[in-house]
Protein backbone atom coordinates (compact mmCIF):
# COMPACT_ATOMS: atom_id res chain seq x y z
CA MET A 1 28.26 -14.85 -9.88
CA LYS A 2 31.91 -14.79 -8.88
CA ILE A 3 32.04 -14.11 -5.14
CA PHE A 4 35.20 -13.20 -3.23
CA SER A 5 34.61 -14.15 0.41
CA VAL A 6 36.90 -12.93 3.22
CA THR A 7 36.82 -14.42 6.74
CA MET A 8 38.86 -13.66 9.85
CA THR A 9 40.51 -17.08 9.86
CA PRO A 10 41.71 -18.88 6.72
CA ILE A 11 39.53 -21.49 5.10
CA SER A 12 41.08 -24.79 6.13
CA PRO A 13 40.17 -27.75 8.34
CA PRO A 14 39.14 -28.50 11.04
CA TYR A 15 35.50 -27.49 11.52
CA ASP A 16 36.33 -25.24 14.44
CA ASP A 17 35.21 -21.76 13.43
CA GLY A 18 31.65 -20.61 12.79
CA PRO A 19 32.18 -18.12 9.93
CA LYS A 20 34.32 -20.42 7.82
CA ASN A 21 31.89 -23.30 8.36
CA ILE A 22 29.01 -21.11 7.21
CA VAL A 23 30.67 -19.75 4.07
CA MET A 24 31.94 -23.17 3.01
CA ALA A 25 28.52 -24.73 3.53
CA LEU A 26 26.98 -21.84 1.61
CA ALA A 27 29.25 -22.58 -1.35
CA LYS A 28 28.15 -26.21 -1.34
CA LYS A 29 24.49 -25.24 -1.31
CA LEU A 30 24.80 -22.66 -4.11
CA PRO A 31 26.81 -24.41 -6.86
CA MET A 32 25.67 -21.88 -9.45
CA HIS A 33 28.15 -19.37 -7.98
CA ASP A 34 31.94 -19.49 -7.88
CA TYR A 35 33.36 -18.73 -4.44
CA TYR A 36 36.92 -17.50 -3.95
CA PHE A 37 38.44 -18.12 -0.51
CA ILE A 38 41.74 -17.29 1.14
CA SER A 39 43.26 -20.43 2.62
CA SER A 40 46.34 -21.23 4.66
CA THR A 41 46.63 -24.60 2.91
CA GLY A 42 45.43 -23.87 -0.60
CA GLY A 43 42.41 -26.07 0.00
CA GLY A 44 41.65 -28.90 2.35
CA PHE A 45 37.86 -29.03 2.30
CA PRO A 46 36.75 -31.84 -0.03
CA GLY A 47 34.08 -31.42 -2.67
CA SER A 48 32.55 -28.16 -3.86
CA PRO A 49 33.99 -27.80 -7.38
CA ASN A 50 32.76 -24.19 -7.34
CA THR A 51 35.31 -23.18 -4.69
CA ILE A 52 38.63 -21.60 -5.62
CA PHE A 53 41.31 -21.36 -2.93
CA ILE A 54 43.94 -18.63 -2.85
CA ARG A 55 46.83 -19.60 -0.63
CA SER A 56 48.10 -17.09 1.90
CA PRO A 57 51.67 -17.43 3.20
CA PHE A 58 50.92 -14.95 6.00
CA GLN A 59 48.04 -16.53 7.91
CA LYS A 60 48.58 -19.81 9.69
CA THR A 61 45.68 -22.04 10.60
CA GLY A 62 44.76 -21.98 14.28
CA ARG A 63 45.26 -18.25 14.63
CA HIS A 64 42.06 -16.37 15.41
CA SER A 65 43.12 -12.91 14.27
CA MET A 66 44.59 -11.41 11.13
CA THR A 67 48.30 -10.71 11.05
CA PHE A 68 49.46 -7.35 9.73
CA PHE A 69 50.82 -8.94 6.56
CA GLN A 70 47.57 -10.87 6.08
CA LYS A 71 45.68 -7.57 6.05
CA ILE A 72 48.06 -6.16 3.44
CA TYR A 73 47.74 -9.37 1.44
CA ILE A 74 43.94 -9.11 1.43
CA PHE A 75 44.19 -5.52 0.22
CA PHE A 76 46.38 -6.49 -2.74
CA LEU A 77 44.21 -9.50 -3.56
CA THR A 78 41.17 -7.22 -3.62
CA VAL A 79 42.93 -4.85 -6.00
CA PHE A 80 43.99 -7.78 -8.19
CA TYR A 81 40.58 -9.47 -8.28
CA ARG A 82 38.41 -6.36 -8.20
CA GLY A 83 37.63 -6.38 -11.91
CA ARG A 84 37.03 -10.13 -12.03
CA MET A 85 34.51 -10.42 -9.18
CA ASP A 86 30.78 -9.74 -9.20
CA LEU A 87 30.50 -9.56 -5.42
CA PHE A 88 32.73 -9.15 -2.37
CA GLN A 89 31.53 -10.78 0.85
CA PHE A 90 33.14 -9.85 4.19
CA PHE A 91 32.53 -12.06 7.23
CA PHE A 92 34.37 -10.47 10.16
CA THR A 93 33.96 -7.61 12.60
CA PRO A 94 34.67 -4.38 10.68
CA GLN A 95 37.42 -2.07 11.85
CA PRO A 96 37.74 1.65 10.97
CA TYR A 97 40.93 1.39 8.90
CA PHE A 98 39.56 -1.58 6.94
CA SER A 99 36.27 0.15 6.24
CA ILE A 100 37.92 3.38 5.06
CA ILE A 101 40.10 1.49 2.58
CA PHE A 102 37.42 -0.81 1.21
CA LYS A 103 34.78 1.90 0.99
CA ARG A 104 37.01 3.62 -1.55
CA LEU A 105 38.37 0.51 -3.19
CA LEU A 106 34.93 -1.05 -3.79
CA LYS A 107 33.06 2.16 -4.53
CA ASN A 108 31.50 0.81 -7.72
CA LYS A 109 31.41 -2.88 -6.74
CA ARG A 110 28.68 -4.91 -5.08
CA SER A 111 29.46 -6.11 -1.58
CA ILE A 112 27.95 -7.63 1.57
CA GLN A 113 29.17 -7.29 5.15
CA ILE A 114 28.16 -10.09 7.52
CA VAL A 115 28.19 -9.18 11.22
CA SER A 116 28.94 -12.36 13.13
CA SER A 117 28.32 -10.81 16.55
CA ILE A 118 26.67 -7.53 17.48
CA HIS A 119 28.34 -7.85 20.89
CA THR A 120 31.83 -8.06 19.40
CA LEU A 121 31.08 -5.18 17.04
CA LEU A 122 29.91 -2.86 19.81
CA ASP A 123 32.57 -4.01 22.26
CA LYS A 124 35.43 -3.28 19.85
CA ASN A 125 34.04 0.06 18.70
CA LYS A 126 32.70 1.68 21.87
CA ASP A 127 34.11 5.11 21.12
CA LYS A 128 33.73 5.07 17.35
CA ALA A 129 30.89 5.97 15.02
CA ILE A 130 29.43 2.58 14.08
CA ASN A 131 27.88 3.98 10.91
CA SER A 132 31.29 4.66 9.38
CA LEU A 133 32.19 0.97 9.58
CA PHE A 134 29.64 -0.06 6.98
CA PHE A 135 30.13 0.52 3.27
CA SER A 136 28.34 -2.41 1.62
CA ASP A 137 25.07 -2.66 -0.27
CA TYR A 138 23.64 -4.92 2.44
CA ILE A 139 24.50 -5.68 6.05
CA VAL A 140 23.67 -9.24 7.10
CA VAL A 141 23.09 -9.87 10.81
CA HIS A 142 22.39 -13.09 12.68
CA SER A 143 19.46 -12.12 14.88
CA ASP A 144 16.49 -9.81 15.20
CA TYR A 145 18.24 -8.32 18.22
CA ALA A 146 21.27 -7.35 16.12
CA ARG A 147 19.02 -5.89 13.43
CA GLN A 148 17.27 -3.75 16.04
CA ARG A 149 20.55 -2.53 17.58
CA LEU A 150 21.94 -1.45 14.21
CA ALA A 151 18.67 0.11 13.12
CA GLU A 152 18.76 2.22 16.29
CA LYS A 153 22.07 3.59 15.02
CA ASN A 154 20.42 4.57 11.74
CA ILE A 155 22.17 1.89 9.68
CA LYS A 156 20.25 0.97 6.53
CA ASN A 157 19.78 -2.11 4.35
CA ILE A 158 19.97 -4.63 7.18
CA VAL A 159 19.00 -8.24 6.42
CA ARG A 160 18.61 -10.86 9.14
CA ILE A 161 19.76 -14.35 8.16
CA TYR A 162 20.10 -16.77 11.05
CA PRO A 163 23.38 -18.71 11.30
CA ALA A 164 22.86 -22.23 10.10
CA ILE A 165 24.36 -25.70 10.05
CA GLU A 166 24.61 -28.49 7.51
CA HIS A 167 22.24 -30.83 9.28
CA GLU A 168 23.25 -33.64 6.89
CA ARG A 169 26.64 -33.76 8.64
CA PHE A 170 24.83 -34.80 11.80
CA ASP A 171 22.66 -37.56 10.35
CA ASN A 172 23.41 -41.21 11.08
CA VAL A 173 26.48 -40.43 13.17
CA THR A 174 27.99 -43.03 15.45
CA ALA A 175 28.14 -42.26 19.16
CA ARG A 176 31.37 -42.90 21.00
CA GLY A 177 31.11 -45.23 23.95
CA THR A 178 30.23 -43.39 27.13
CA GLY A 179 31.37 -46.06 29.57
CA GLY A 180 28.33 -45.41 31.74
CA GLU A 181 29.20 -41.75 32.18
CA ILE A 182 26.76 -38.92 31.58
CA LYS A 183 28.80 -36.43 29.57
CA ILE A 184 27.92 -32.75 29.79
CA VAL A 185 29.85 -30.70 27.27
CA TYR A 186 30.79 -27.04 27.34
CA PRO A 187 31.64 -26.20 23.70
CA GLY A 188 33.35 -22.81 23.61
CA THR A 189 36.47 -21.10 24.91
CA TYR A 190 37.72 -20.45 28.42
CA LYS A 191 37.84 -16.73 27.71
CA VAL A 192 34.22 -16.59 26.56
CA LEU A 193 33.15 -18.65 29.58
CA ASN A 194 35.01 -16.40 32.00
CA ASP A 195 33.97 -13.12 30.35
CA SER A 196 30.29 -14.02 30.05
CA TYR A 197 29.96 -16.11 33.20
CA SER A 198 32.84 -17.23 35.47
CA LEU A 199 35.30 -20.11 35.52
CA ARG A 200 34.79 -20.46 39.26
CA GLU A 201 31.00 -20.37 38.98
CA PHE A 202 31.17 -23.08 36.33
CA CYS A 203 33.07 -25.26 38.78
CA LYS A 204 30.29 -24.61 41.30
CA ILE A 205 27.76 -25.88 38.75
CA ALA A 206 29.79 -29.06 38.30
CA ALA A 207 30.16 -29.60 42.05
CA LEU A 208 26.40 -29.25 42.58
CA VAL A 209 25.65 -31.67 39.76
CA LYS A 210 28.12 -34.24 41.09
CA ASP A 211 26.32 -34.20 44.44
CA ASP A 212 23.21 -35.58 42.69
CA VAL A 213 24.62 -37.35 39.63
CA SER A 214 27.71 -39.30 40.63
CA ASN A 215 28.50 -40.52 37.10
CA ALA A 216 28.39 -37.04 35.55
CA MET A 217 31.47 -36.13 33.52
CA PHE A 218 32.03 -32.56 32.33
CA VAL A 219 33.84 -32.18 29.03
CA MET A 220 35.44 -28.87 28.10
CA ALA A 221 35.68 -28.73 24.30
CA CYS A 222 37.79 -25.57 24.15
CA ARG A 223 40.22 -24.87 21.32
CA ILE A 224 43.53 -23.41 22.50
CA ARG A 225 44.54 -20.78 19.96
CA THR A 226 46.45 -18.14 21.92
CA ARG A 227 48.71 -17.78 24.93
CA GLU A 228 45.76 -16.30 26.78
CA ASP A 229 43.74 -19.46 26.02
CA ALA A 230 46.58 -21.61 27.38
CA ALA A 231 46.85 -19.49 30.53
CA MET A 232 43.11 -19.69 31.15
CA GLU A 233 43.12 -23.45 30.67
CA LYS A 234 45.86 -23.66 33.30
CA GLU A 235 43.79 -21.47 35.63
CA PHE A 236 40.76 -23.68 35.06
CA ARG A 237 42.75 -26.83 35.82
CA ALA A 238 43.76 -25.29 39.14
CA LEU A 239 40.13 -24.46 39.93
CA ILE A 240 38.81 -27.95 39.28
CA GLU A 241 41.52 -29.34 41.56
CA GLU A 242 40.56 -26.78 44.20
CA TYR A 243 36.96 -28.02 44.02
CA GLY A 244 38.06 -31.67 44.12
CA LEU A 245 36.75 -32.25 40.60
CA GLY A 246 39.93 -33.42 38.92
CA LYS A 247 38.40 -36.78 37.96
CA SER A 248 35.08 -35.23 36.92
CA PHE A 249 36.44 -33.17 34.02
CA THR A 250 37.92 -33.97 30.63
CA LEU A 251 39.65 -31.08 28.87
CA LEU A 252 39.88 -31.31 25.09
CA ASN A 253 41.41 -29.07 22.44
CA THR A 254 40.98 -29.96 18.75
CA ILE A 255 38.17 -32.39 17.94
CA ASP A 256 38.33 -33.98 14.50
CA ASP A 257 34.82 -35.44 14.34
CA MET A 258 32.38 -33.05 16.00
CA PRO A 259 29.17 -34.93 15.06
CA SER A 260 30.42 -38.17 16.59
CA PHE A 261 31.79 -36.37 19.64
CA PHE A 262 28.56 -34.47 20.29
CA ASN A 263 26.50 -37.60 19.78
CA GLY A 264 28.45 -39.25 22.58
CA CYS A 265 27.43 -36.48 25.00
CA ALA A 266 24.21 -36.38 26.99
CA MET A 267 23.71 -32.62 26.76
CA GLY A 268 25.43 -29.27 26.33
CA VAL A 269 25.65 -26.26 28.61
CA MET A 270 26.74 -22.70 27.79
CA PRO A 271 26.12 -20.53 30.86
CA ALA A 272 26.16 -16.75 30.55
CA ARG A 273 25.12 -13.71 32.53
CA ARG A 274 26.76 -11.21 30.19
CA PRO A 275 26.91 -10.97 26.38
CA MET A 276 29.24 -13.48 24.74
CA SER A 277 31.72 -11.38 22.79
CA GLY A 278 34.25 -12.97 20.46
CA VAL A 279 32.01 -15.75 19.10
CA LEU A 280 28.97 -15.97 16.86
CA GLU A 281 26.12 -14.34 18.76
CA ILE A 282 24.12 -17.52 18.15
CA PRO A 283 26.81 -20.21 18.57
CA LEU A 284 26.69 -22.98 15.97
CA VAL A 285 27.61 -25.55 18.62
CA LEU A 286 24.22 -25.07 20.28
CA LEU A 287 22.53 -25.79 16.96
CA GLU A 288 24.77 -28.81 16.32
CA LEU A 289 23.95 -30.36 19.68
CA ALA A 290 20.26 -29.61 19.20
CA ILE A 291 20.05 -31.24 15.75
CA LEU A 292 21.31 -34.43 17.41
CA GLY A 293 18.44 -34.26 19.88
CA LYS A 294 20.66 -33.23 22.79
CA PRO A 295 19.25 -30.84 25.41
CA VAL A 296 21.21 -27.59 25.64
CA ALA A 297 21.11 -25.10 28.51
CA TYR A 298 22.20 -21.50 27.97
CA GLY A 299 22.03 -18.07 29.54
CA ASP A 300 19.37 -15.39 29.29
CA VAL A 301 21.47 -12.97 27.24
CA PRO A 302 20.43 -11.52 23.89
CA PRO A 303 19.96 -12.80 21.29
CA LEU A 304 19.68 -16.29 22.80
CA GLY A 305 16.10 -15.52 23.76
CA GLU A 306 15.34 -16.02 20.06
CA LEU A 307 16.36 -19.66 20.47
CA ASP A 308 14.11 -19.98 23.50
CA SER A 309 11.15 -18.47 21.64
CA LYS A 310 11.54 -21.15 18.96
CA GLY A 311 11.64 -23.98 21.48
CA LEU A 312 15.35 -24.70 21.23
CA GLY A 313 16.93 -25.88 24.46
CA ILE A 314 16.45 -24.47 27.96
CA MET A 315 17.18 -20.84 28.77
CA VAL A 316 18.27 -20.35 32.40
CA SER A 317 16.94 -16.95 33.38
CA ASP A 318 18.59 -16.19 36.72
CA GLY A 319 22.02 -17.53 35.76
CA SER A 320 22.85 -18.97 39.18
CA PRO A 321 24.95 -22.14 39.53
CA ASP A 322 22.02 -23.72 41.41
CA SER A 323 19.67 -23.12 38.49
CA TYR A 324 22.06 -24.53 35.90
CA ALA A 325 22.80 -27.51 38.13
CA GLY A 326 19.06 -28.08 38.53
CA VAL A 327 18.51 -28.15 34.76
CA ILE A 328 21.46 -30.48 34.18
CA THR A 329 20.40 -32.81 36.99
CA LYS A 330 16.82 -32.98 35.72
CA CYS A 331 17.98 -33.87 32.20
CA ALA A 332 20.41 -36.47 33.59
CA LYS A 333 17.82 -38.17 35.81
CA ASP A 334 14.64 -37.78 33.76
CA ASN A 335 15.11 -39.46 30.39
CA ASP A 336 11.61 -38.60 29.21
CA TYR A 337 12.16 -34.91 29.95
CA ALA A 338 15.57 -34.92 28.24
CA SER A 339 14.11 -36.65 25.19
CA MET A 340 11.25 -34.15 25.01
CA VAL A 341 13.63 -31.18 25.17
CA GLY A 342 15.96 -32.80 22.64
CA GLU A 343 13.21 -33.57 20.14
CA ARG A 344 11.73 -30.09 20.47
CA SER A 345 15.17 -28.57 19.94
CA LYS A 346 15.86 -30.74 16.91
CA ASN A 347 12.62 -29.61 15.30
CA ALA A 348 13.50 -25.98 16.02
CA VAL A 349 16.79 -26.32 14.15
CA LYS A 350 15.08 -27.96 11.18
CA ALA A 351 12.51 -25.16 11.08
CA ASP A 352 14.85 -22.16 11.21
CA PHE A 353 18.56 -22.97 11.32
CA THR A 354 19.49 -25.29 8.46
CA MET A 355 21.87 -24.29 5.69
CA ASP A 356 19.17 -25.03 3.11
CA ILE A 357 17.11 -22.20 4.60
CA ALA A 358 20.06 -19.82 4.94
CA ALA A 359 21.31 -20.55 1.42
CA GLY A 360 17.89 -19.69 0.01
CA GLU A 361 17.97 -16.35 1.81
CA TYR A 362 21.49 -15.58 0.59
CA GLN A 363 20.48 -16.51 -2.96
CA ARG A 364 17.59 -14.04 -2.82
CA LEU A 365 20.03 -11.41 -1.58
CA TYR A 366 22.43 -12.18 -4.43
CA GLU A 367 19.58 -11.86 -6.92
CA ARG A 368 18.75 -8.41 -5.57
CA LEU A 369 22.35 -7.37 -6.07
CA ARG A 370 22.51 -8.90 -9.53
CA ASN A 371 19.47 -6.88 -10.58
């Protein structure tokens, strides 16, 4: 099949965006199909001879939203390629204007809409009829929770396919020297952290951990894409100075080698009390840390309970800084416990969240559409 795949951000390095990582990995796993991608560079990902890149002059890499001209460009590309494609695959949060146009444009064409986050979908469309946003033959969601929420709104043809990682990328990686530090990484964005938890409360977690683990070092792996991101990073820097934690934090932006970076960390933490809007509802970074055998601690917000039910990481139910600090301290001081959690988490990823599994499920979906 010839598959035209549209993502919110252009397909280009680095590995910093969940949807584009998933669709590129999917193309590698399903070489019997030709995948057409819009790219800001005209390529950049090595391998995958079945991938065709269409360069866009309107969407620069690093931007996490579509420009107006990029939207127009996608429309004209769809018109141009409509007769040549067997399937159109959309991997971004649908908007009313987009859905109205593509419902008409692709009336007699096969298509799939992939919902990366039920929280983002509902947050952006609070006052709109959700049903009108969907026009495709199948709606792919990333959790049983998302499937239930959409089914409650009488949306049909929902298929749950968990987000997945290329676990091969994380085999035999080389850890960076830790210098005796115990590195605890937060892999996300300052906006997501503040919206779903609190920048100040995160500093409280770090302060409590430092009281018990003097060589703990917190690493913020947060890509700066917008002015708002830059402003929140500045706010966070002020907070860590206020708490006297200036030497206990490392703030990073772009990371070229995520497997090596994660392997040099002791564990990951992604606290939340409220839904995490604006990212994959099951963040790939949690899976990537877990496949390396690293303990991960996360909040009791749906659908992360589905990770907990599969034995992946540690879900912190009450969400208090004391509880997160307790989990981090236990993992830092008790190597046997940390190893047990890490091994259990690694097995959970292998059982349910590898790209081999996801690719098989997408292939079965493609076969249904082909028939």
